[in-house]
């Protein structure tokens, strides 16, 4: 059975896996990569490696840095991924041991009693020691292919740990951003409640003075209570997000409350100098793409193991024995016996079992190749989506900031004119609602922009380094 194969290091897989001696199927392994990002206008194109390894430091938020740093050390998910690396390394070492001979030793002492009518009871002792060695000669590379498969699985486990780290850092940063946005909304709503309390009090005084009817006072009170009703929802959202951050960090609810309440800087602002590199950089950096590449290597090596089962295997075995009637003479050369055996076994008839196994593993290999292709396309799509989100959210933010400034001025002017009796309460209420809606949209857009950058860092493969 022959199949076209090629070196992964010379293919479209720009992974730098460090396993260029491993081969994999060549047909349609990876999609053709674009030369540049379609939506990367305004982003520098230098290598993004330094920007990405610990990207959360670029937000210049000490609390965020501390939470993510502690989570990477304490998270059960990261610890579990590290345990899988240790397991895979041990399995690789076990497969490698099969390349060498096995040597066993033994030693026995026995007493034999013989009953005779003439001589009575006669007792005899025997002593023996021996060494047995066995070795399967890897004529057709079956054992070497098994080691290659185990080594690829180890590489995949290591990259999976990096993937867990990157995903955890991103999810914590997004939850942290959501928390800070909720806190900012809470502060704005509290100020809005105070303003509406003042307006409701003024409307009550105007009613008592006969300058306004009860409708105006009722509208002012309704507007006040409507604003107050939003406070419990924001408090609930903030508390639940703190619990989510504690869960992501591998801690119990409430463990991070003191940390999160210190030195709050509001919604984190992303750095604007992120280097996005070229699409090939993303495939080198993204751990999920590297996992998929290693899985292709492992599947190809496993197929070669099954293919080698069609050929004969050579087994060598030998033994060295020592037998004596007295312990003191057990190492006498005259008591030594040795033998060496060589055996060749080859499948003759197995009702198609080997062929079916090869076909099954070949299909699994094809699935791994297709999964790699899907992972590459997903990486390209996620990066383009994040670039679009970064650009469009920045555009929305610029417009909303201008609109919010104007709405604040309109609200302040409406308050003054209402106090002077120049306008009725409906104009004031309309100005308040407009301002509150714009401020809420402003915080949402700031959150979207920061989240877009976090997703871009993640899409480019950030959140881990080779030494982590």
Protein backbone atom coordinates (compact mmCIF):
# COMPACT_ATOMS: atom_id res chain seq x y z
CA UNK A 1 0.00 0.00 0.00
CA UNK A 2 1.58 3.27 -1.09
CA UNK A 3 0.27 6.75 -0.55
CA UNK A 4 1.73 10.12 -1.54
CA UNK A 5 3.46 11.68 1.45
CA UNK A 6 5.38 14.86 2.10
CA UNK A 7 7.25 16.60 4.86
CA UNK A 8 4.97 18.82 6.91
CA UNK A 9 7.73 21.39 7.28
CA UNK A 10 7.73 21.97 3.50
CA UNK A 11 3.95 22.09 3.06
CA UNK A 12 1.38 24.79 3.62
CA UNK A 13 1.43 23.95 7.33
CA UNK A 14 3.65 26.74 8.69
CA UNK A 15 3.69 25.35 12.19
CA UNK A 16 7.33 24.98 13.05
CA UNK A 17 6.45 21.75 14.85
CA UNK A 18 10.00 20.61 15.21
CA UNK A 19 9.06 17.22 13.76
CA UNK A 20 10.07 17.54 10.15
CA UNK A 21 11.09 13.89 9.95
CA UNK A 22 7.46 12.88 10.35
CA UNK A 23 5.44 12.53 7.18
CA UNK A 24 1.77 12.99 6.54
CA UNK A 25 -0.73 12.76 3.66
CA UNK A 26 -0.22 15.48 1.09
CA UNK A 27 -3.56 15.67 -0.69
CA UNK A 28 -5.35 18.88 0.27
CA UNK A 29 -3.75 19.18 3.68
CA UNK A 30 -4.23 22.92 4.05
CA UNK A 31 -6.06 25.67 2.17
CA UNK A 32 -4.16 28.27 0.22
CA UNK A 33 -3.23 31.14 2.51
CA UNK A 34 -3.80 34.78 1.55
CA UNK A 35 -0.75 37.02 1.42
CA UNK A 36 -2.26 39.58 3.82
CA UNK A 37 -5.32 40.21 5.96
CA UNK A 38 -8.23 41.74 4.10
CA UNK A 39 -9.27 44.00 6.99
CA UNK A 40 -5.86 44.84 8.50
CA UNK A 41 -5.76 48.46 7.31
CA UNK A 42 -4.35 50.68 10.07
CA UNK A 43 -2.62 47.83 11.89
CA UNK A 44 1.18 47.47 11.72
CA UNK A 45 2.35 44.29 9.98
CA UNK A 46 5.45 43.47 12.02
CA UNK A 47 5.77 40.08 13.68
CA UNK A 48 3.17 39.94 16.47
CA UNK A 49 5.01 37.45 18.70
CA UNK A 50 6.17 39.91 21.35
CA UNK A 51 2.82 41.68 21.40
CA UNK A 52 0.92 38.43 21.87
CA UNK A 53 2.75 36.35 24.46
CA UNK A 54 1.32 38.32 27.41
CA UNK A 55 -1.05 40.64 25.61
CA UNK A 56 -3.13 41.52 28.68
CA UNK A 57 -0.19 43.57 30.00
CA UNK A 58 -0.77 46.01 27.15
CA UNK A 59 -4.06 47.15 28.71
CA UNK A 60 -2.03 48.66 31.57
CA UNK A 61 -4.53 47.45 34.17
CA UNK A 62 -2.69 45.96 37.19
CA UNK A 63 -5.83 44.25 38.50
CA UNK A 64 -6.46 42.52 35.18
CA UNK A 65 -2.81 41.42 35.00
CA UNK A 66 -2.96 40.01 38.52
CA UNK A 67 -6.23 38.13 37.99
CA UNK A 68 -5.05 36.49 34.77
CA UNK A 69 -1.60 35.69 36.19
CA UNK A 70 -3.07 34.04 39.28
CA UNK A 71 -5.65 32.15 37.20
CA UNK A 72 -3.00 30.63 34.93
CA UNK A 73 -1.33 29.22 38.03
CA UNK A 74 -4.44 28.04 39.90
CA UNK A 75 -6.93 27.03 37.20
CA UNK A 76 -7.94 23.35 37.30
CA UNK A 77 -8.28 23.39 33.52
CA UNK A 78 -4.65 24.42 33.08
CA UNK A 79 -3.55 21.87 35.69
CA UNK A 80 -5.54 19.15 33.91
CA UNK A 81 -3.96 20.06 30.57
CA UNK A 82 -0.51 19.89 32.21
CA UNK A 83 -1.36 16.44 33.57
CA UNK A 84 -2.27 15.30 30.06
CA UNK A 85 1.16 16.47 28.91
CA UNK A 86 2.82 14.34 31.60
CA UNK A 87 0.67 11.38 30.60
CA UNK A 88 1.57 11.75 26.92
CA UNK A 89 5.27 12.11 27.74
CA UNK A 90 5.18 8.89 29.78
CA UNK A 91 3.40 7.06 26.95
CA UNK A 92 6.00 8.32 24.48
CA UNK A 93 8.79 7.06 26.74
CA UNK A 94 7.04 3.68 27.05
CA UNK A 95 6.83 3.34 23.25
CA UNK A 96 10.48 4.35 22.93
CA UNK A 97 11.47 1.62 25.39
CA UNK A 98 10.11 -0.99 22.94
CA UNK A 99 13.05 -0.19 20.62
CA UNK A 100 15.51 -1.75 23.08
CA UNK A 101 15.97 -5.34 24.30
CA UNK A 102 14.25 -6.50 27.48
CA UNK A 103 16.33 -8.31 30.11
CA UNK A 104 14.88 -10.35 33.01
CA UNK A 105 16.72 -12.13 35.80
CA UNK A 106 15.73 -14.97 38.10
CA UNK A 107 17.19 -16.96 41.01
CA UNK A 108 15.75 -20.05 42.77
CA UNK A 109 16.69 -22.50 45.48
CA UNK A 110 14.79 -25.77 45.99
CA UNK A 111 14.93 -28.79 48.26
CA UNK A 112 13.88 -32.25 47.12
CA UNK A 113 13.16 -35.07 49.64
CA UNK A 114 13.30 -38.74 48.56
CA UNK A 115 11.97 -41.67 50.69
CA UNK A 116 13.64 -45.08 50.29
CA UNK A 117 13.13 -48.35 52.25
CA UNK A 118 16.85 -49.12 52.30
CA UNK A 119 18.39 -45.65 52.67
CA UNK A 120 15.65 -43.98 54.62
CA UNK A 121 14.98 -40.34 53.76
CA UNK A 122 17.37 -38.54 51.38
CA UNK A 123 17.28 -34.74 50.93
CA UNK A 124 18.79 -32.94 47.92
CA UNK A 125 19.16 -29.21 47.20
CA UNK A 126 19.50 -27.42 43.87
CA UNK A 127 20.33 -23.80 43.12
CA UNK A 128 19.80 -21.96 39.87
CA UNK A 129 20.11 -18.44 38.44
CA UNK A 130 19.41 -17.16 35.00
CA UNK A 131 19.12 -14.20 32.61
CA UNK A 132 16.61 -14.01 29.78
CA UNK A 133 16.74 -11.42 27.01
CA UNK A 134 14.26 -10.71 24.23
CA UNK A 135 14.17 -8.19 21.41
CA UNK A 136 11.85 -7.56 18.52
CA UNK A 137 13.93 -6.34 15.58
CA UNK A 138 12.15 -3.37 14.02
CA UNK A 139 12.64 -4.51 10.42
CA UNK A 140 9.82 -2.50 8.84
CA UNK A 141 9.61 0.47 11.20
CA UNK A 142 6.53 -0.58 13.18
CA UNK A 143 8.03 0.34 16.55
CA UNK A 144 9.63 3.52 15.23
CA UNK A 145 6.27 4.58 13.80
CA UNK A 146 4.63 3.90 17.17
CA UNK A 147 7.22 6.16 18.81
CA UNK A 148 6.53 8.83 16.16
CA UNK A 149 2.78 8.63 16.86
CA UNK A 150 3.37 8.93 20.60
CA UNK A 151 5.73 11.89 20.06
CA UNK A 152 3.09 13.63 17.92
CA UNK A 153 0.47 13.00 20.59
CA UNK A 154 2.84 14.56 23.11
CA UNK A 155 3.21 17.60 20.89
CA UNK A 156 -0.57 17.86 20.58
CA UNK A 157 -0.94 17.64 24.37
CA UNK A 158 1.58 20.43 24.87
CA UNK A 159 -0.17 22.65 22.33
CA UNK A 160 -3.52 21.83 23.91
CA UNK A 161 -2.15 23.17 27.19
CA UNK A 162 -1.19 26.37 25.39
CA UNK A 163 -4.67 26.52 23.87
CA UNK A 164 -6.26 26.20 27.32
CA UNK A 165 -4.03 29.01 28.60
CA UNK A 166 -4.91 31.29 25.68
CA UNK A 167 -8.64 30.62 25.97
CA UNK A 168 -8.60 31.12 29.75
CA UNK A 169 -6.79 34.47 29.49
CA UNK A 170 -9.26 35.68 26.87
CA UNK A 171 -12.35 34.60 28.80
CA UNK A 172 -11.10 36.24 31.99
CA UNK A 173 -10.31 39.46 30.14
CA UNK A 174 -13.77 39.52 28.56
CA UNK A 175 -15.49 38.86 31.89
CA UNK A 176 -13.33 41.52 33.55
CA UNK A 177 -14.25 44.02 30.85
CA UNK A 178 -17.93 43.19 31.32
CA UNK A 179 -17.58 43.76 35.08
CA UNK A 180 -15.96 47.16 34.62
CA UNK A 181 -18.63 48.15 32.11
CA UNK A 182 -21.36 47.14 34.55
CA UNK A 183 -19.71 49.17 37.31
CA UNK A 184 -19.48 52.18 34.99
CA UNK A 185 -23.16 51.84 34.10
CA UNK A 186 -23.97 51.63 37.80
CA UNK A 187 -22.16 54.91 38.52
CA UNK A 188 -23.96 56.67 35.67
CA UNK A 189 -27.31 55.31 36.80
CA UNK A 190 -26.68 56.49 40.35
CA UNK A 191 -25.97 60.00 39.07
CA UNK A 192 -29.07 59.81 36.92
CA UNK A 193 -31.16 58.78 39.94
CA UNK A 194 -29.89 61.78 41.89
CA UNK A 195 -30.76 64.07 39.02
CA UNK A 196 -34.25 62.60 38.74
CA UNK A 197 -34.71 62.88 42.50
CA UNK A 198 -34.00 66.59 42.20
CA UNK A 199 -36.35 66.88 39.26
CA UNK A 200 -39.12 64.98 41.08
CA UNK A 201 -38.70 67.21 44.11
CA UNK A 202 -38.90 70.29 41.93
CA UNK A 203 -42.03 68.97 40.21
CA UNK A 204 -43.61 68.38 43.63
CA UNK A 205 -42.83 71.91 44.72
CA UNK A 206 -44.25 73.32 41.48
CA UNK A 207 -47.44 71.32 42.07
CA UNK A 208 -47.74 72.61 45.62
CA UNK A 209 -47.20 76.14 44.34
CA UNK A 210 -49.88 75.68 41.74
CA UNK A 211 -47.46 76.12 38.86
CA UNK A 212 -47.93 72.52 37.60
CA UNK A 213 -50.59 69.85 37.78
CA UNK A 214 -50.38 66.39 39.35
CA UNK A 215 -49.60 64.79 35.97
CA UNK A 216 -46.21 66.45 35.87
CA UNK A 217 -45.38 65.29 39.40
CA UNK A 218 -46.53 61.74 38.60
CA UNK A 219 -44.40 61.66 35.48
CA UNK A 220 -41.35 62.82 37.41
CA UNK A 221 -41.91 60.21 40.11
CA UNK A 222 -42.44 57.47 37.50
CA UNK A 223 -39.21 58.45 35.77
CA UNK A 224 -37.37 58.33 39.11
CA UNK A 225 -38.64 54.86 40.02
CA UNK A 226 -37.88 53.58 36.56
CA UNK A 227 -34.26 54.64 37.01
CA UNK A 228 -34.09 53.10 40.48
CA UNK A 229 -35.42 49.80 39.09
CA UNK A 230 -32.26 49.40 37.03
CA UNK A 231 -29.97 49.39 40.07
CA UNK A 232 -30.72 45.83 41.33
CA UNK A 233 -30.18 44.40 37.84
CA UNK A 234 -26.75 45.99 37.58
CA UNK A 235 -25.84 44.87 41.10
CA UNK A 236 -26.87 41.32 40.22
CA UNK A 237 -24.87 41.37 36.99
CA UNK A 238 -21.76 42.66 38.78
CA UNK A 239 -21.99 40.05 41.54
CA UNK A 240 -22.48 37.21 39.06
CA UNK A 241 -19.55 38.39 36.94
CA UNK A 242 -17.30 38.44 40.02
CA UNK A 243 -18.36 34.85 40.70
CA UNK A 244 -17.63 33.96 37.09
CA UNK A 245 -14.13 35.42 37.39
CA UNK A 246 -13.58 33.42 40.58
CA UNK A 247 -14.72 30.24 38.83
CA UNK A 248 -12.42 30.85 35.86
CA UNK A 249 -9.58 31.45 38.29
CA UNK A 250 -10.19 28.18 40.12
CA UNK A 251 -11.35 29.87 43.32
CA UNK A 252 -14.53 29.92 45.38
CA UNK A 253 -17.15 32.70 44.97
CA UNK A 254 -16.13 35.90 46.69
CA UNK A 255 -12.41 35.11 46.71
CA UNK A 256 -11.62 37.86 44.20
CA UNK A 257 -13.96 40.55 45.54
CA UNK A 258 -11.21 42.39 47.43
CA UNK A 259 -8.86 42.27 44.45
CA UNK A 260 -11.50 43.42 41.99
CA UNK A 261 -12.59 46.33 44.16
CA UNK A 262 -9.09 47.82 44.32
CA UNK A 263 -7.66 50.34 41.86
CA UNK A 264 -10.50 50.14 39.39
CA UNK A 265 -9.60 51.98 36.18
CA UNK A 266 -12.87 51.49 34.36
CA UNK A 267 -13.20 49.65 31.06
CA UNK A 268 -9.71 48.59 29.88
CA UNK A 269 -8.47 50.48 26.85
CA UNK A 270 -6.69 48.34 24.24
CA UNK A 271 -3.31 49.33 22.85
CA UNK A 272 -3.53 50.73 19.34
CA UNK A 273 -0.12 49.51 18.16
CA UNK A 274 -0.90 45.79 17.83
CA UNK A 275 1.12 44.14 15.06
CA UNK A 276 -1.01 41.60 13.23
CA UNK A 277 1.65 40.09 10.99
CA UNK A 278 0.60 37.95 8.03
CA UNK A 279 -1.78 34.96 7.93
CA UNK A 280 1.11 32.49 8.11
CA UNK A 281 2.15 34.07 11.43
CA UNK A 282 -1.25 33.22 12.86
CA UNK A 283 -0.91 29.56 11.90
CA UNK A 284 2.54 29.42 13.51
CA UNK A 285 1.29 31.04 16.69
CA UNK A 286 -2.20 29.57 17.20
CA UNK A 287 -2.01 26.52 19.45
CA UNK A 288 -5.24 25.00 18.10
CA UNK A 289 -3.77 24.95 14.58
CA UNK A 290 -0.63 23.36 15.96
CA UNK A 291 -2.74 20.76 17.79
CA UNK A 292 -4.48 19.88 14.54
CA UNK A 293 -1.12 19.61 12.76
CA UNK A 294 0.25 17.23 15.38
CA UNK A 295 -2.93 15.17 15.15
CA UNK A 296 -2.30 14.74 11.41
CA UNK A 297 1.21 13.54 12.19
CA UNK A 298 -0.05 11.12 14.84
CA UNK A 299 -2.72 9.70 12.52
CA UNK A 300 -0.18 9.18 9.72
CA UNK A 301 2.25 7.42 12.05
CA UNK A 302 -0.52 5.19 13.42
CA UNK A 303 -1.44 4.19 9.89
CA UNK A 304 2.19 3.20 9.27
CA UNK A 305 2.11 1.03 12.40
CA UNK A 306 -0.90 -0.84 11.03
CA UNK A 307 0.68 -1.09 7.58
CA UNK A 308 3.82 -2.68 9.05
CA UNK A 309 1.70 -5.49 10.52
CA UNK A 310 1.45 -6.96 6.98
CA UNK A 311 5.16 -7.85 7.02
CA UNK A 312 7.14 -10.49 8.93
CA UNK A 313 8.53 -9.72 12.37
CA UNK A 314 11.83 -11.03 13.73
CA UNK A 315 12.13 -11.84 17.42
CA UNK A 316 15.43 -12.70 19.09
CA UNK A 317 15.59 -14.31 22.52
CA UNK A 318 18.35 -15.79 24.58
CA UNK A 319 18.97 -17.18 28.02
CA UNK A 320 21.91 -17.81 30.28
CA UNK A 321 21.39 -20.39 33.08
CA UNK A 322 23.39 -21.52 36.08
CA UNK A 323 22.49 -24.74 37.93
CA UNK A 324 24.39 -26.31 40.87
CA UNK A 325 23.83 -28.71 43.75
CA UNK A 326 25.60 -26.41 46.18
CA UNK A 327 25.27 -22.64 46.51
CA UNK A 328 29.02 -22.16 46.51
CA UNK A 329 29.39 -23.70 43.04
CA UNK A 330 26.54 -21.87 41.33
CA UNK A 331 28.96 -19.56 39.48
CA UNK A 332 31.25 -22.38 38.44
CA UNK A 333 31.67 -22.31 34.62
CA UNK A 334 30.81 -26.02 34.48
CA UNK A 335 27.27 -25.22 35.71
CA UNK A 336 26.55 -22.75 32.90
CA UNK A 337 24.08 -23.36 30.07
CA UNK A 338 23.06 -20.89 27.34
CA UNK A 339 20.81 -20.77 24.33
CA UNK A 340 19.88 -18.30 21.59
CA UNK A 341 16.68 -18.45 19.57
CA UNK A 342 15.52 -16.48 16.57
CA UNK A 343 11.97 -16.62 15.33
CA UNK A 344 10.18 -15.07 12.37
CA UNK A 345 6.42 -14.72 12.35
CA UNK A 346 4.36 -13.51 9.45
CA UNK A 347 0.60 -13.23 8.92
CA UNK A 348 -0.72 -15.77 6.44
CA UNK A 349 -4.49 -15.66 6.84
CA UNK A 350 -6.45 -13.28 9.08
CA UNK A 351 -9.75 -13.00 7.17
CA UNK A 352 -8.94 -9.39 6.16
CA UNK A 353 -8.39 -8.09 9.70
CA UNK A 354 -5.12 -6.27 8.94
CA UNK A 355 -6.42 -4.77 5.71
CA UNK A 356 -9.60 -3.55 7.40
CA UNK A 357 -7.60 -2.03 10.23
CA UNK A 358 -5.42 -0.18 7.71
CA UNK A 359 -8.52 1.10 5.91
CA UNK A 360 -10.04 2.29 9.17
CA UNK A 361 -6.88 4.13 10.23
CA UNK A 362 -6.50 5.62 6.75
CA UNK A 363 -10.01 7.02 7.04
CA UNK A 364 -9.11 8.41 10.48
CA UNK A 365 -6.03 9.97 8.92
CA UNK A 366 -8.18 11.63 6.26
CA UNK A 367 -10.45 12.96 9.01
CA UNK A 368 -7.44 14.48 10.78
CA UNK A 369 -6.37 16.19 7.56
CA UNK A 370 -9.87 17.60 7.03
CA UNK A 371 -10.00 18.71 10.68
CA UNK A 372 -6.69 20.52 10.17
CA UNK A 373 -8.07 22.24 7.09
CA UNK A 374 -11.18 23.32 9.02
CA UNK A 375 -9.05 24.62 11.88
CA UNK A 376 -6.95 26.72 9.50
CA UNK A 377 -10.04 28.19 7.84
CA UNK A 378 -11.55 28.90 11.27
CA UNK A 379 -8.37 30.69 12.33
CA UNK A 380 -8.41 32.87 9.22
CA UNK A 381 -12.11 33.64 9.61
CA UNK A 382 -11.87 34.48 13.31
CA UNK A 383 -8.99 36.86 12.68
CA UNK A 384 -10.81 38.67 9.88
CA UNK A 385 -13.96 38.91 12.00
CA UNK A 386 -11.97 40.36 14.91
CA UNK A 387 -10.26 42.90 12.64
CA UNK A 388 -13.64 44.01 11.31
CA UNK A 389 -15.04 44.28 14.83
CA UNK A 390 -12.06 46.37 15.99
CA UNK A 391 -12.47 48.83 13.15
CA UNK A 392 -16.25 49.16 13.21
CA UNK A 393 -16.53 49.39 16.99
CA UNK A 394 -13.97 52.20 16.97
CA UNK A 395 -16.04 54.04 14.36
CA UNK A 396 -19.23 53.62 16.39
CA UNK A 397 -17.44 54.75 19.53
CA UNK A 398 -16.25 57.97 17.91
CA UNK A 399 -19.79 58.88 16.83
CA UNK A 400 -21.34 57.95 20.18
CA UNK A 401 -18.80 60.01 22.12
CA UNK A 402 -19.79 63.10 20.12
CA UNK A 403 -23.49 62.35 20.52
CA UNK A 404 -23.12 61.81 24.28
CA UNK A 405 -21.36 65.15 24.74
CA UNK A 406 -24.21 66.89 22.95
CA UNK A 407 -26.81 64.95 24.95
CA UNK A 408 -25.19 66.00 28.24
CA UNK A 409 -25.29 69.62 27.19
CA UNK A 410 -28.94 69.26 26.14
CA UNK A 411 -29.84 67.61 29.44
CA UNK A 412 -28.17 70.34 31.48
CA UNK A 413 -29.87 73.04 29.42
CA UNK A 414 -33.26 71.34 29.76
CA UNK A 415 -32.83 71.23 33.55
CA UNK A 416 -32.07 74.96 33.66
CA UNK A 417 -34.99 75.92 31.40
CA UNK A 418 -37.38 73.70 33.39
CA UNK A 419 -36.32 75.33 36.64
CA UNK A 420 -36.93 78.71 35.00
CA UNK A 421 -40.39 77.55 33.90
CA UNK A 422 -39.62 77.94 30.19
CA UNK A 423 -40.40 74.32 29.21
CA UNK A 424 -42.59 71.57 30.58
CA UNK A 425 -41.48 68.32 32.15
CA UNK A 426 -41.87 66.20 29.00
CA UNK A 427 -38.93 68.01 27.41
CA UNK A 428 -36.82 67.34 30.49
CA UNK A 429 -37.86 63.68 30.53
CA UNK A 430 -37.02 63.32 26.86
CA UNK A 431 -33.56 64.81 27.40
CA UNK A 432 -32.91 62.49 30.35
CA UNK A 433 -33.97 59.41 28.44
CA UNK A 434 -31.85 60.37 25.45
CA UNK A 435 -28.78 60.93 27.62
CA UNK A 436 -29.22 57.69 29.57
CA UNK A 437 -29.69 55.69 26.36
CA UNK A 438 -26.61 57.22 24.75
CA UNK A 439 -24.46 56.66 27.82
CA UNK A 440 -25.58 53.04 27.95
CA UNK A 441 -24.75 52.63 24.24
CA UNK A 442 -21.41 54.32 24.85
CA UNK A 443 -20.44 51.80 27.52
CA UNK A 444 -21.69 48.93 25.38
CA UNK A 445 -19.60 50.10 22.45
CA UNK A 446 -16.52 50.59 24.61
CA UNK A 447 -17.02 47.06 25.88
CA UNK A 448 -17.46 45.79 22.32
CA UNK A 449 -14.27 47.53 21.20
CA UNK A 450 -12.21 46.08 24.07
CA UNK A 451 -13.75 42.65 23.55
CA UNK A 452 -12.96 42.86 19.84
CA UNK A 453 -9.31 43.48 20.62
CA UNK A 454 -9.27 40.62 23.10
CA UNK A 455 -10.75 38.34 20.45
CA UNK A 456 -8.18 39.63 17.97
CA UNK A 457 -5.33 38.81 20.38
CA UNK A 458 -6.84 35.35 20.82
CA UNK A 459 -7.43 34.86 17.07
CA UNK A 460 -3.79 35.72 16.36
CA UNK A 461 -2.74 33.02 18.82
CA UNK A 462 -1.81 35.14 21.82
CA UNK A 463 -1.83 34.14 25.45
CA UNK A 464 1.08 31.75 25.74
CA UNK A 465 4.80 31.57 25.04
CA UNK A 466 7.25 28.77 24.32
CA UNK A 467 8.56 28.94 27.88
CA UNK A 468 5.16 28.81 29.58
